[in-house]
């Protein structure tokens, strides 16, 4: 256990970067040595996030980082950028660990990564040295890897309820419908360029029902953890709210099971989890329950059709869906209490 981690945050001024810096600024074991960005060089990070009260280093270029003087690098960069930086530093500085909040190391097949993101992977030989860091599912493996691929926000809200139930064969693995709604911060600061929809911030907007980027990630991880090919449709929406995700997952019960079996299995599976809460059967749930927390709340709900069940899953996309989970990964890797800096 390192008493005080020396940390660099690369990409500090985006939504997830600012959330990360804010949380790290309050973490008793974190010392932020570098805050890097491509713009606003020399400015204070508190200009962009008023909640940051601590006196932190001024924003600088990544070239100013003394890599020998830091233990851990958080990367909150556009897809395709983290892989280039990690490739340059991975072998030169073997003491360094990397937690990447982009998709660069989430996909294990470089060809699927290219097909999904239209980016040729610049460090394909390092993919095997990375681990998909959904804490509750890969906790025991985290210490064995120097590159941690922080999960996507939608996939976090979806995998946590589905993996235990599919593993135990309590629900059918085919014809699953996933209907997810997110605050617009999940699309990043340039969301207006990505989405040209009229009245975007005054309406609910459905998009990418066939080829959303997170489908590949969800496919991969469900198969890894359940050893089964899961068939699902995924329909994401942007809401005119800043943060929070609510995923509604429509599944069919196996005939030999009932809804209480699902609740019991989820409670058993996450009995030692610090951040997953399983609610009582048929509990109403909204993202407001978990805003500004690292929690995922899950509710199993019956419908008027006996074998049709809706599973509700809520997270904060900037917290458990990104920066909070990144710090949770950090805590586990460096053997700090898992909840440290996240309460």
C-alpha atoms as a PDB file:
ATOM      1  CA  UNK A   1       0.000   0.000   0.000  1.00  0.00           C
ATOM      2  CA  UNK A   2       1.390   3.382  -1.033  1.00  0.00           C
ATOM      3  CA  UNK A   3       0.718   6.001   1.631  1.00  0.00           C
ATOM      4  CA  UNK A   4       0.143   8.827  -0.874  1.00  0.00           C
ATOM      5  CA  UNK A   5      -0.367   8.191  -4.580  1.00  0.00           C
ATOM      6  CA  UNK A   6       1.167  10.659  -6.997  1.00  0.00           C
ATOM      7  CA  UNK A   7      -1.342  11.077  -9.801  1.00  0.00           C
ATOM      8  CA  UNK A   8      -1.575  12.656 -13.236  1.00  0.00           C
ATOM      9  CA  UNK A   9      -4.971  13.318 -14.824  1.00  0.00           C
ATOM     10  CA  UNK A  10      -4.766  13.576 -18.619  1.00  0.00           C
ATOM     11  CA  UNK A  11      -7.872  15.222 -20.059  1.00  0.00           C
ATOM     12  CA  UNK A  12      -8.823  17.083 -16.911  1.00  0.00           C
ATOM     13  CA  UNK A  13     -11.373  19.578 -18.248  1.00  0.00           C
ATOM     14  CA  UNK A  14     -14.084  17.372 -19.789  1.00  0.00           C
ATOM     15  CA  UNK A  15     -17.169  16.343 -17.832  1.00  0.00           C
ATOM     16  CA  UNK A  16     -15.637  13.072 -16.593  1.00  0.00           C
ATOM     17  CA  UNK A  17     -12.211  14.639 -16.103  1.00  0.00           C
ATOM     18  CA  UNK A  18     -13.605  17.405 -13.888  1.00  0.00           C
ATOM     19  CA  UNK A  19     -15.658  14.916 -11.876  1.00  0.00           C
ATOM     20  CA  UNK A  20     -12.529  12.817 -11.434  1.00  0.00           C
ATOM     21  CA  UNK A  21     -10.395  15.759 -10.309  1.00  0.00           C
ATOM     22  CA  UNK A  22     -13.096  16.852  -7.858  1.00  0.00           C
ATOM     23  CA  UNK A  23     -13.261  13.387  -6.279  1.00  0.00           C
ATOM     24  CA  UNK A  24      -9.476  12.971  -6.201  1.00  0.00           C
ATOM     25  CA  UNK A  25      -9.078  16.401  -4.599  1.00  0.00           C
ATOM     26  CA  UNK A  26     -10.962  15.058  -1.567  1.00  0.00           C
ATOM     27  CA  UNK A  27      -9.321  11.605  -1.508  1.00  0.00           C
ATOM     28  CA  UNK A  28      -7.009  11.262   1.518  1.00  0.00           C
ATOM     29  CA  UNK A  29      -4.519   9.016  -0.333  1.00  0.00           C
ATOM     30  CA  UNK A  30      -4.335  10.971  -3.601  1.00  0.00           C
ATOM     31  CA  UNK A  31      -1.842  13.704  -4.473  1.00  0.00           C
ATOM     32  CA  UNK A  32      -2.569  15.293  -7.847  1.00  0.00           C
ATOM     33  CA  UNK A  33       0.775  16.188  -9.411  1.00  0.00           C
ATOM     34  CA  UNK A  34      -0.350  17.004 -12.968  1.00  0.00           C
ATOM     35  CA  UNK A  35      -3.591  18.217 -14.550  1.00  0.00           C
ATOM     36  CA  UNK A  36      -3.239  18.052 -18.317  1.00  0.00           C
ATOM     37  CA  UNK A  37      -5.288  19.361 -21.221  1.00  0.00           C
ATOM     38  CA  UNK A  38      -4.737  20.734 -24.724  1.00  0.00           C
ATOM     39  CA  UNK A  39      -6.435  24.073 -23.993  1.00  0.00           C
ATOM     40  CA  UNK A  40      -6.607  26.558 -21.118  1.00  0.00           C
ATOM     41  CA  UNK A  41      -2.934  26.021 -20.279  1.00  0.00           C
ATOM     42  CA  UNK A  42      -1.864  27.834 -17.109  1.00  0.00           C
ATOM     43  CA  UNK A  43      -5.406  28.256 -15.778  1.00  0.00           C
ATOM     44  CA  UNK A  44      -6.801  26.976 -12.496  1.00  0.00           C
ATOM     45  CA  UNK A  45      -9.004  23.891 -12.653  1.00  0.00           C
ATOM     46  CA  UNK A  46     -11.432  25.583 -10.235  1.00  0.00           C
ATOM     47  CA  UNK A  47     -12.405  27.932 -13.101  1.00  0.00           C
ATOM     48  CA  UNK A  48     -14.153  24.960 -14.711  1.00  0.00           C
ATOM     49  CA  UNK A  49     -15.466  23.190 -11.606  1.00  0.00           C
ATOM     50  CA  UNK A  50     -16.530  25.436  -8.732  1.00  0.00           C
ATOM     51  CA  UNK A  51     -16.793  22.501  -6.312  1.00  0.00           C
ATOM     52  CA  UNK A  52     -12.992  22.101  -6.344  1.00  0.00           C
ATOM     53  CA  UNK A  53     -11.751  24.090  -3.350  1.00  0.00           C
ATOM     54  CA  UNK A  54      -8.281  22.587  -2.980  1.00  0.00           C
ATOM     55  CA  UNK A  55      -5.234  24.391  -4.341  1.00  0.00           C
ATOM     56  CA  UNK A  56      -4.176  22.134  -7.237  1.00  0.00           C
ATOM     57  CA  UNK A  57      -1.509  22.370  -9.966  1.00  0.00           C
ATOM     58  CA  UNK A  58      -2.326  24.647 -12.896  1.00  0.00           C
ATOM     59  CA  UNK A  59      -3.475  23.051 -16.140  1.00  0.00           C
ATOM     60  CA  UNK A  60      -0.464  22.068 -18.233  1.00  0.00           C
ATOM     61  CA  UNK A  61       0.406  20.130 -21.363  1.00  0.00           C
ATOM     62  CA  UNK A  62       1.106  16.404 -21.097  1.00  0.00           C
ATOM     63  CA  UNK A  63       4.709  17.055 -22.126  1.00  0.00           C
ATOM     64  CA  UNK A  64       5.277  18.646 -18.707  1.00  0.00           C
ATOM     65  CA  UNK A  65       4.632  15.374 -16.822  1.00  0.00           C
ATOM     66  CA  UNK A  66       7.627  13.872 -15.012  1.00  0.00           C
ATOM     67  CA  UNK A  67       6.627  10.234 -15.510  1.00  0.00           C
ATOM     68  CA  UNK A  68       9.231   8.946 -13.051  1.00  0.00           C
ATOM     69  CA  UNK A  69       7.614  11.009 -10.310  1.00  0.00           C
ATOM     70  CA  UNK A  70       4.071   9.606 -10.537  1.00  0.00           C
ATOM     71  CA  UNK A  71       2.460   6.257  -9.692  1.00  0.00           C
ATOM     72  CA  UNK A  72      -0.851   6.375 -11.528  1.00  0.00           C
ATOM     73  CA  UNK A  73      -2.227   8.007 -14.667  1.00  0.00           C
ATOM     74  CA  UNK A  74      -5.935   8.608 -15.247  1.00  0.00           C
ATOM     75  CA  UNK A  75      -6.788   9.186 -18.901  1.00  0.00           C
ATOM     76  CA  UNK A  76     -10.059  10.901 -19.762  1.00  0.00           C
ATOM     77  CA  UNK A  77      -9.476  11.448 -23.475  1.00  0.00           C
ATOM     78  CA  UNK A  78     -11.402  11.012 -26.737  1.00  0.00           C
ATOM     79  CA  UNK A  79     -11.372   7.466 -28.102  1.00  0.00           C
ATOM     80  CA  UNK A  80      -8.112   6.693 -29.884  1.00  0.00           C
ATOM     81  CA  UNK A  81      -5.891   9.021 -27.830  1.00  0.00           C
ATOM     82  CA  UNK A  82      -5.145   7.047 -24.649  1.00  0.00           C
ATOM     83  CA  UNK A  83      -3.756   4.071 -26.590  1.00  0.00           C
ATOM     84  CA  UNK A  84      -1.134   6.297 -28.230  1.00  0.00           C
ATOM     85  CA  UNK A  85       0.085   7.743 -24.941  1.00  0.00           C
ATOM     86  CA  UNK A  86       0.087   4.398 -23.110  1.00  0.00           C
ATOM     87  CA  UNK A  87       2.061   2.809 -25.962  1.00  0.00           C
ATOM     88  CA  UNK A  88       4.821   5.391 -25.468  1.00  0.00           C
ATOM     89  CA  UNK A  89       5.032   5.035 -21.691  1.00  0.00           C
ATOM     90  CA  UNK A  90       4.088   1.427 -20.830  1.00  0.00           C
ATOM     91  CA  UNK A  91       7.492  -0.220 -21.274  1.00  0.00           C
ATOM     92  CA  UNK A  92       9.621   2.851 -20.553  1.00  0.00           C
ATOM     93  CA  UNK A  93       8.090   3.326 -17.084  1.00  0.00           C
ATOM     94  CA  UNK A  94       7.245  -0.141 -15.698  1.00  0.00           C
ATOM     95  CA  UNK A  95       6.177   1.287 -12.334  1.00  0.00           C
ATOM     96  CA  UNK A  96       3.290   3.227 -13.917  1.00  0.00           C
ATOM     97  CA  UNK A  97      -0.320   2.084 -13.861  1.00  0.00           C
ATOM     98  CA  UNK A  98      -3.030   3.449 -16.138  1.00  0.00           C
ATOM     99  CA  UNK A  99      -6.788   3.782 -15.648  1.00  0.00           C
ATOM    100  CA  UNK A 100      -8.355   4.676 -18.985  1.00  0.00           C
ATOM    101  CA  UNK A 101     -11.861   6.126 -19.037  1.00  0.00           C
ATOM    102  CA  UNK A 102     -12.191   5.899 -22.842  1.00  0.00           C
ATOM    103  CA  UNK A 103     -13.047   2.791 -24.869  1.00  0.00           C
ATOM    104  CA  UNK A 104      -9.476   2.194 -26.061  1.00  0.00           C
ATOM    105  CA  UNK A 105      -8.851  -1.005 -24.092  1.00  0.00           C
ATOM    106  CA  UNK A 106     -12.398  -2.202 -23.430  1.00  0.00           C
ATOM    107  CA  UNK A 107     -12.695  -4.290 -26.600  1.00  0.00           C
ATOM    108  CA  UNK A 108     -10.456  -7.373 -26.690  1.00  0.00           C
ATOM    109  CA  UNK A 109     -10.580  -7.857 -30.468  1.00  0.00           C
ATOM    110  CA  UNK A 110      -8.758  -5.104 -32.372  1.00  0.00           C
ATOM    111  CA  UNK A 111     -10.874  -5.780 -35.474  1.00  0.00           C
ATOM    112  CA  UNK A 112     -14.103  -5.333 -33.510  1.00  0.00           C
ATOM    113  CA  UNK A 113     -12.657  -2.162 -32.018  1.00  0.00           C
ATOM    114  CA  UNK A 114     -12.011  -0.820 -35.522  1.00  0.00           C
ATOM    115  CA  UNK A 115     -15.471  -1.829 -36.716  1.00  0.00           C
ATOM    116  CA  UNK A 116     -17.105  -0.176 -33.709  1.00  0.00           C
ATOM    117  CA  UNK A 117     -15.052   3.022 -33.416  1.00  0.00           C
ATOM    118  CA  UNK A 118     -13.609   3.365 -36.930  1.00  0.00           C
ATOM    119  CA  UNK A 119     -10.154   3.790 -35.365  1.00  0.00           C
ATOM    120  CA  UNK A 120      -7.223   1.502 -36.098  1.00  0.00           C
ATOM    121  CA  UNK A 121      -5.806   0.465 -32.732  1.00  0.00           C
ATOM    122  CA  UNK A 122      -2.317   1.923 -32.202  1.00  0.00           C
ATOM    123  CA  UNK A 123      -1.334  -0.461 -29.377  1.00  0.00           C
ATOM    124  CA  UNK A 124      -2.902  -3.847 -30.192  1.00  0.00           C
ATOM    125  CA  UNK A 125      -0.063  -5.713 -28.454  1.00  0.00           C
ATOM    126  CA  UNK A 126      -1.062  -4.063 -25.151  1.00  0.00           C
ATOM    127  CA  UNK A 127      -4.702  -5.175 -25.225  1.00  0.00           C
ATOM    128  CA  UNK A 128      -3.690  -8.473 -23.579  1.00  0.00           C
ATOM    129  CA  UNK A 129      -2.084  -6.434 -20.777  1.00  0.00           C
ATOM    130  CA  UNK A 130      -5.336  -4.659 -19.974  1.00  0.00           C
ATOM    131  CA  UNK A 131      -8.350  -5.646 -17.878  1.00  0.00           C
ATOM    132  CA  UNK A 132     -11.954  -4.518 -18.190  1.00  0.00           C
ATOM    133  CA  UNK A 133     -12.486  -2.816 -14.844  1.00  0.00           C
ATOM    134  CA  UNK A 134     -16.089  -3.376 -13.828  1.00  0.00           C
ATOM    135  CA  UNK A 135     -15.180  -3.567 -10.144  1.00  0.00           C
ATOM    136  CA  UNK A 136     -17.883  -5.919  -8.884  1.00  0.00           C
ATOM    137  CA  UNK A 137     -17.193  -8.502 -11.599  1.00  0.00           C
ATOM    138  CA  UNK A 138     -13.382  -8.333 -11.950  1.00  0.00           C
ATOM    139  CA  UNK A 139     -12.290  -7.260  -8.483  1.00  0.00           C
ATOM    140  CA  UNK A 140      -9.957 -10.211  -7.844  1.00  0.00           C
ATOM    141  CA  UNK A 141      -8.022  -9.696 -11.091  1.00  0.00           C
ATOM    142  CA  UNK A 142      -7.340  -5.968 -10.895  1.00  0.00           C
ATOM    143  CA  UNK A 143      -3.956  -6.248  -9.195  1.00  0.00           C
ATOM    144  CA  UNK A 144      -2.600  -8.355 -12.067  1.00  0.00           C
ATOM    145  CA  UNK A 145      -2.834  -5.596 -14.687  1.00  0.00           C
ATOM    146  CA  UNK A 146      -1.234  -2.208 -15.274  1.00  0.00           C
ATOM    147  CA  UNK A 147      -3.873  -1.006 -17.748  1.00  0.00           C
ATOM    148  CA  UNK A 148      -7.455  -0.852 -16.473  1.00  0.00           C
ATOM    149  CA  UNK A 149     -10.189  -0.165 -19.016  1.00  0.00           C
ATOM    150  CA  UNK A 150     -12.883   1.668 -17.095  1.00  0.00           C
ATOM    151  CA  UNK A 151     -16.315   0.457 -18.320  1.00  0.00           C
ATOM    152  CA  UNK A 152     -18.841   2.516 -20.230  1.00  0.00           C
ATOM    153  CA  UNK A 153     -21.728   4.036 -18.298  1.00  0.00           C
ATOM    154  CA  UNK A 154     -24.580   2.227 -20.070  1.00  0.00           C
ATOM    155  CA  UNK A 155     -22.759  -1.145 -19.884  1.00  0.00           C
ATOM    156  CA  UNK A 156     -22.185  -0.723 -16.137  1.00  0.00           C
ATOM    157  CA  UNK A 157     -25.901  -0.240 -15.489  1.00  0.00           C
ATOM    158  CA  UNK A 158     -26.741  -3.232 -17.706  1.00  0.00           C
ATOM    159  CA  UNK A 159     -24.150  -5.833 -16.708  1.00  0.00           C
ATOM    160  CA  UNK A 160     -24.596  -5.503 -12.946  1.00  0.00           C
ATOM    161  CA  UNK A 161     -28.202  -6.793 -12.944  1.00  0.00           C
ATOM    162  CA  UNK A 162     -27.928  -9.198 -15.885  1.00  0.00           C
ATOM    163  CA  UNK A 163     -24.723 -11.154 -15.212  1.00  0.00           C
ATOM    164  CA  UNK A 164     -25.821 -12.892 -11.966  1.00  0.00           C
ATOM    165  CA  UNK A 165     -29.251 -13.823 -13.352  1.00  0.00           C
ATOM    166  CA  UNK A 166     -27.963 -15.243 -16.644  1.00  0.00           C
ATOM    167  CA  UNK A 167     -25.149 -17.122 -14.880  1.00  0.00           C
ATOM    168  CA  UNK A 168     -27.713 -18.824 -12.636  1.00  0.00           C
ATOM    169  CA  UNK A 169     -29.996 -19.545 -15.599  1.00  0.00           C
ATOM    170  CA  UNK A 170     -32.907 -17.724 -13.970  1.00  0.00           C
ATOM    171  CA  UNK A 171     -33.922 -15.798 -17.094  1.00  0.00           C
ATOM    172  CA  UNK A 172     -33.932 -16.530 -20.820  1.00  0.00           C
ATOM    173  CA  UNK A 173     -30.783 -15.379 -22.558  1.00  0.00           C
ATOM    174  CA  UNK A 174     -32.643 -14.489 -25.768  1.00  0.00           C
ATOM    175  CA  UNK A 175     -35.003 -11.665 -26.684  1.00  0.00           C
ATOM    176  CA  UNK A 176     -33.834  -9.334 -23.919  1.00  0.00           C
ATOM    177  CA  UNK A 177     -34.796  -5.701 -24.490  1.00  0.00           C
ATOM    178  CA  UNK A 178     -32.678  -2.988 -22.888  1.00  0.00           C
ATOM    179  CA  UNK A 179     -34.137   0.513 -22.826  1.00  0.00           C
ATOM    180  CA  UNK A 180     -31.687   3.019 -21.314  1.00  0.00           C
ATOM    181  CA  UNK A 181     -31.970   6.738 -20.693  1.00  0.00           C
ATOM    182  CA  UNK A 182     -29.058   9.022 -19.850  1.00  0.00           C
ATOM    183  CA  UNK A 183     -28.424  12.629 -18.974  1.00  0.00           C
ATOM    184  CA  UNK A 184     -26.692  14.521 -21.779  1.00  0.00           C
ATOM    185  CA  UNK A 185     -23.355  14.716 -19.918  1.00  0.00           C
ATOM    186  CA  UNK A 186     -22.820  11.118 -21.045  1.00  0.00           C
ATOM    187  CA  UNK A 187     -22.275  12.430 -24.581  1.00  0.00           C
ATOM    188  CA  UNK A 188     -19.442  14.758 -23.493  1.00  0.00           C
ATOM    189  CA  UNK A 189     -19.035  18.523 -23.741  1.00  0.00           C
ATOM    190  CA  UNK A 190     -19.380  18.483 -27.529  1.00  0.00           C
ATOM    191  CA  UNK A 191     -22.757  16.755 -27.463  1.00  0.00           C
ATOM    192  CA  UNK A 192     -24.304  19.503 -29.627  1.00  0.00           C
ATOM    193  CA  UNK A 193     -21.946  18.523 -32.465  1.00  0.00           C
ATOM    194  CA  UNK A 194     -22.798  14.820 -32.097  1.00  0.00           C
ATOM    195  CA  UNK A 195     -26.551  15.331 -31.887  1.00  0.00           C
ATOM    196  CA  UNK A 196     -28.208  17.831 -34.230  1.00  0.00           C
ATOM    197  CA  UNK A 197     -31.708  17.012 -32.980  1.00  0.00           C
ATOM    198  CA  UNK A 198     -34.016  19.999 -32.672  1.00  0.00           C
ATOM    199  CA  UNK A 199     -34.748  21.084 -29.075  1.00  0.00           C
ATOM    200  CA  UNK A 200     -32.267  18.526 -27.722  1.00  0.00           C
ATOM    201  CA  UNK A 201     -32.324  19.957 -24.210  1.00  0.00           C
ATOM    202  CA  UNK A 202     -36.113  20.192 -24.114  1.00  0.00           C
ATOM    203  CA  UNK A 203     -36.967  16.693 -25.326  1.00  0.00           C
ATOM    204  CA  UNK A 204     -36.159  12.986 -25.074  1.00  0.00           C
ATOM    205  CA  UNK A 205     -34.065  11.720 -27.968  1.00  0.00           C
ATOM    206  CA  UNK A 206     -33.676   8.072 -29.053  1.00  0.00           C
ATOM    207  CA  UNK A 207     -30.660   7.176 -31.192  1.00  0.00           C
ATOM    208  CA  UNK A 208     -28.340   4.379 -32.462  1.00  0.00           C
ATOM    209  CA  UNK A 209     -30.760   1.518 -31.847  1.00  0.00           C
ATOM    210  CA  UNK A 210     -28.889  -0.840 -34.181  1.00  0.00           C
ATOM    211  CA  UNK A 211     -25.202   0.021 -33.908  1.00  0.00           C
ATOM    212  CA  UNK A 212     -24.586   1.877 -30.669  1.00  0.00           C
ATOM    213  CA  UNK A 213     -20.903   1.689 -29.706  1.00  0.00           C
ATOM    214  CA  UNK A 214     -21.604   0.104 -26.336  1.00  0.00           C
ATOM    215  CA  UNK A 215     -23.331  -2.935 -27.868  1.00  0.00           C
ATOM    216  CA  UNK A 216     -19.966  -4.540 -28.689  1.00  0.00           C
ATOM    217  CA  UNK A 217     -18.768  -3.990 -25.122  1.00  0.00           C
ATOM    218  CA  UNK A 218     -21.937  -5.420 -23.570  1.00  0.00           C
ATOM    219  CA  UNK A 219     -21.850  -8.428 -25.932  1.00  0.00           C
ATOM    220  CA  UNK A 220     -18.249  -9.185 -25.043  1.00  0.00           C
ATOM    221  CA  UNK A 221     -18.561  -8.924 -21.281  1.00  0.00           C
ATOM    222  CA  UNK A 222     -21.863 -10.809 -20.957  1.00  0.00           C
ATOM    223  CA  UNK A 223     -20.328 -13.711 -22.874  1.00  0.00           C
ATOM    224  CA  UNK A 224     -17.120 -13.634 -20.815  1.00  0.00           C
ATOM    225  CA  UNK A 225     -18.949 -13.743 -17.482  1.00  0.00           C
ATOM    226  CA  UNK A 226     -21.872 -16.020 -18.332  1.00  0.00           C
ATOM    227  CA  UNK A 227     -20.180 -18.285 -20.919  1.00  0.00           C
ATOM    228  CA  UNK A 228     -23.316 -17.803 -23.014  1.00  0.00           C
ATOM    229  CA  UNK A 229     -24.184 -15.861 -26.127  1.00  0.00           C
ATOM    230  CA  UNK A 230     -26.824 -13.387 -24.980  1.00  0.00           C
ATOM    231  CA  UNK A 231     -29.289 -11.961 -27.488  1.00  0.00           C
ATOM    232  CA  UNK A 232     -30.519  -8.470 -26.755  1.00  0.00           C
ATOM    233  CA  UNK A 233     -31.633  -5.221 -28.332  1.00  0.00           C
ATOM    234  CA  UNK A 234     -30.391  -1.922 -26.930  1.00  0.00           C
ATOM    235  CA  UNK A 235     -32.217   1.359 -27.268  1.00  0.00           C
ATOM    236  CA  UNK A 236     -30.442   4.396 -25.732  1.00  0.00           C
ATOM    237  CA  UNK A 237     -31.979   7.811 -25.148  1.00  0.00           C
ATOM    238  CA  UNK A 238     -30.701  11.240 -24.154  1.00  0.00           C
ATOM    239  CA  UNK A 239     -32.769  13.066 -21.554  1.00  0.00           C
ATOM    240  CA  UNK A 240     -32.889  16.843 -21.007  1.00  0.00           C
ATOM    241  CA  UNK A 241     -31.140  16.350 -17.656  1.00  0.00           C
ATOM    242  CA  UNK A 242     -27.421  16.715 -16.970  1.00  0.00           C
ATOM    243  CA  UNK A 243     -26.546  13.411 -15.292  1.00  0.00           C
ATOM    244  CA  UNK A 244     -27.923  10.005 -14.319  1.00  0.00           C
ATOM    245  CA  UNK A 245     -28.891   6.770 -16.105  1.00  0.00           C
ATOM    246  CA  UNK A 246     -31.957   4.577 -15.769  1.00  0.00           C
ATOM    247  CA  UNK A 247     -31.875   1.260 -17.630  1.00  0.00           C
ATOM    248  CA  UNK A 248     -35.102  -0.716 -17.992  1.00  0.00           C
ATOM    249  CA  UNK A 249     -34.326  -4.323 -18.926  1.00  0.00           C
ATOM    250  CA  UNK A 250     -37.180  -6.507 -20.174  1.00  0.00           C
ATOM    251  CA  UNK A 251     -36.585 -10.241 -19.621  1.00  0.00           C
ATOM    252  CA  UNK A 252     -38.521 -13.520 -19.547  1.00  0.00           C
ATOM    253  CA  UNK A 253     -38.457 -15.827 -16.548  1.00  0.00           C
ATOM    254  CA  UNK A 254     -37.538 -19.466 -16.883  1.00  0.00           C
ATOM    255  CA  UNK A 255     -40.677 -21.501 -16.088  1.00  0.00           C
ATOM    256  CA  UNK A 256     -39.215 -23.087 -12.957  1.00  0.00           C
ATOM    257  CA  UNK A 257     -38.413 -19.705 -11.387  1.00  0.00           C
ATOM    258  CA  UNK A 258     -40.314 -16.775  -9.911  1.00  0.00           C
ATOM    259  CA  UNK A 259     -39.549 -13.136  -9.234  1.00  0.00           C
ATOM    260  CA  UNK A 260     -38.445 -13.706  -5.647  1.00  0.00           C
ATOM    261  CA  UNK A 261     -35.739 -16.060  -6.967  1.00  0.00           C
ATOM    262  CA  UNK A 262     -34.298 -13.152  -8.960  1.00  0.00           C
ATOM    263  CA  UNK A 263     -34.245 -10.836  -5.959  1.00  0.00           C
ATOM    264  CA  UNK A 264     -32.662 -13.504  -3.748  1.00  0.00           C
ATOM    265  CA  UNK A 265     -29.928 -14.255  -6.276  1.00  0.00           C
ATOM    266  CA  UNK A 266     -29.049 -10.588  -6.779  1.00  0.00           C
ATOM    267  CA  UNK A 267     -28.914 -10.012  -3.010  1.00  0.00           C
ATOM    268  CA  UNK A 268     -26.722 -13.082  -2.581  1.00  0.00           C
ATOM    269  CA  UNK A 269     -24.404 -12.146  -5.447  1.00  0.00           C
ATOM    270  CA  UNK A 270     -23.891  -8.606  -4.177  1.00  0.00           C
ATOM    271  CA  UNK A 271     -24.046  -9.349  -0.439  1.00  0.00           C
ATOM    272  CA  UNK A 272     -20.473  -8.124   0.037  1.00  0.00           C
ATOM    273  CA  UNK A 273     -20.657  -5.308  -2.475  1.00  0.00           C
ATOM    274  CA  UNK A 274     -20.104  -1.803  -1.181  1.00  0.00           C
ATOM    275  CA  UNK A 275     -21.930  -0.043  -3.987  1.00  0.00           C
ATOM    276  CA  UNK A 276     -24.743  -2.255  -5.336  1.00  0.00           C
ATOM    277  CA  UNK A 277     -28.130  -2.037  -3.618  1.00  0.00           C
ATOM    278  CA  UNK A 278     -30.903  -4.527  -4.377  1.00  0.00           C
ATOM    279  CA  UNK A 279     -34.319  -3.069  -3.569  1.00  0.00           C
ATOM    280  CA  UNK A 280     -37.445  -4.901  -2.489  1.00  0.00           C
ATOM    281  CA  UNK A 281     -39.538  -6.587  -5.188  1.00  0.00           C
ATOM    282  CA  UNK A 282     -41.593  -4.114  -7.261  1.00  0.00           C
ATOM    283  CA  UNK A 283     -39.836  -1.030  -5.870  1.00  0.00           C
ATOM    284  CA  UNK A 284     -40.090   2.125  -7.936  1.00  0.00           C
ATOM    285  CA  UNK A 285     -36.732   3.501  -8.978  1.00  0.00           C
ATOM    286  CA  UNK A 286     -35.309   6.638 -10.575  1.00  0.00           C
ATOM    287  CA  UNK A 287     -31.845   7.980 -11.248  1.00  0.00           C
ATOM    288  CA  UNK A 288     -32.449  10.653  -8.600  1.00  0.00           C
ATOM    289  CA  UNK A 289     -31.769   7.996  -5.957  1.00  0.00           C
ATOM    290  CA  UNK A 290     -28.125   7.671  -6.982  1.00  0.00           C
ATOM    291  CA  UNK A 291     -27.079  11.115  -8.277  1.00  0.00           C
ATOM    292  CA  UNK A 292     -23.630  12.172  -7.035  1.00  0.00           C
ATOM    293  CA  UNK A 293     -22.981   8.699  -5.589  1.00  0.00           C
ATOM    294  CA  UNK A 294     -21.076   5.589  -6.666  1.00  0.00           C
ATOM    295  CA  UNK A 295     -24.105   3.362  -6.101  1.00  0.00           C
ATOM    296  CA  UNK A 296     -26.041   1.195  -8.508  1.00  0.00           C
ATOM    297  CA  UNK A 297     -29.597   0.512  -7.375  1.00  0.00           C
ATOM    298  CA  UNK A 298     -31.492  -2.425  -8.859  1.00  0.00           C
ATOM    299  CA  UNK A 299     -35.198  -3.286  -8.649  1.00  0.00           C
ATOM    300  CA  UNK A 300     -36.948  -6.397  -9.990  1.00  0.00           C
ATOM    301  CA  UNK A 301     -40.514  -5.590 -11.046  1.00  0.00           C
ATOM    302  CA  UNK A 302     -43.393  -7.817 -12.062  1.00  0.00           C
ATOM    303  CA  UNK A 303     -45.689  -7.000 -14.977  1.00  0.00           C
ATOM    304  CA  UNK A 304     -49.251  -8.018 -15.856  1.00  0.00           C
ATOM    305  CA  UNK A 305     -47.772 -10.948 -17.854  1.00  0.00           C
ATOM    306  CA  UNK A 306     -46.629 -13.635 -15.427  1.00  0.00           C
ATOM    307  CA  UNK A 307     -43.289 -14.564 -16.965  1.00  0.00           C
ATOM    308  CA  UNK A 308     -42.371 -11.051 -18.177  1.00  0.00           C
ATOM    309  CA  UNK A 309     -40.157  -9.091 -15.793  1.00  0.00           C
ATOM    310  CA  UNK A 310     -38.695  -5.583 -15.879  1.00  0.00           C
ATOM    311  CA  UNK A 311     -35.391  -5.003 -14.112  1.00  0.00           C
ATOM    312  CA  UNK A 312     -34.658  -1.373 -13.268  1.00  0.00           C
ATOM    313  CA  UNK A 313     -31.047  -0.280 -12.816  1.00  0.00           C
ATOM    314  CA  UNK A 314     -29.945   3.255 -11.893  1.00  0.00           C
ATOM    315  CA  UNK A 315     -26.504   4.841 -11.734  1.00  0.00           C
ATOM    316  CA  UNK A 316     -24.931   8.281 -12.023  1.00  0.00           C
ATOM    317  CA  UNK A 317     -23.188   8.188 -15.417  1.00  0.00           C
ATOM    318  CA  UNK A 318     -20.401  10.553 -14.298  1.00  0.00           C
ATOM    319  CA  UNK A 319     -19.858   8.792 -10.974  1.00  0.00           C
ATOM    320  CA  UNK A 320     -20.413   5.012 -11.009  1.00  0.00           C
ATOM    321  CA  UNK A 321     -20.498   5.168 -14.813  1.00  0.00           C
ATOM    322  CA  UNK A 322     -17.090   6.841 -15.073  1.00  0.00           C
ATOM    323  CA  UNK A 323     -15.011   8.757 -12.511  1.00  0.00           C
ATOM    324  CA  UNK A 324     -16.283   7.161  -9.297  1.00  0.00           C
ATOM    325  CA  UNK A 325     -15.733   3.676 -10.648  1.00  0.00           C
ATOM    326  CA  UNK A 326     -12.231   4.734 -11.784  1.00  0.00           C
ATOM    327  CA  UNK A 327     -11.417   5.697  -8.181  1.00  0.00           C
ATOM    328  CA  UNK A 328     -13.051   2.493  -6.921  1.00  0.00           C
ATOM    329  CA  UNK A 329     -10.650   0.634  -9.235  1.00  0.00           C
ATOM    330  CA  UNK A 330      -7.769   2.676  -7.821  1.00  0.00           C
ATOM    331  CA  UNK A 331      -8.754   1.842  -4.240  1.00  0.00           C
ATOM    332  CA  UNK A 332      -8.890  -1.883  -4.996  1.00  0.00           C
ATOM    333  CA  UNK A 333      -5.575  -1.910  -6.893  1.00  0.00           C
ATOM    334  CA  UNK A 334      -3.684  -0.087  -4.139  1.00  0.00           C
ATOM    335  CA  UNK A 335      -5.438  -1.949  -1.296  1.00  0.00           C
ATOM    336  CA  UNK A 336      -7.180   1.059   0.164  1.00  0.00           C
ATOM    337  CA  UNK A 337     -10.677   0.660   1.613  1.00  0.00           C
ATOM    338  CA  UNK A 338     -12.943   0.307  -1.423  1.00  0.00           C
ATOM    339  CA  UNK A 339     -15.189   3.165  -0.320  1.00  0.00           C
ATOM    340  CA  UNK A 340     -12.358   5.608   0.434  1.00  0.00           C
ATOM    341  CA  UNK A 341     -13.091   9.008  -1.083  1.00  0.00           C
ATOM    342  CA  UNK A 342     -16.418   7.808  -2.480  1.00  0.00           C
ATOM    343  CA  UNK A 343     -18.823   8.231   0.428  1.00  0.00           C
END
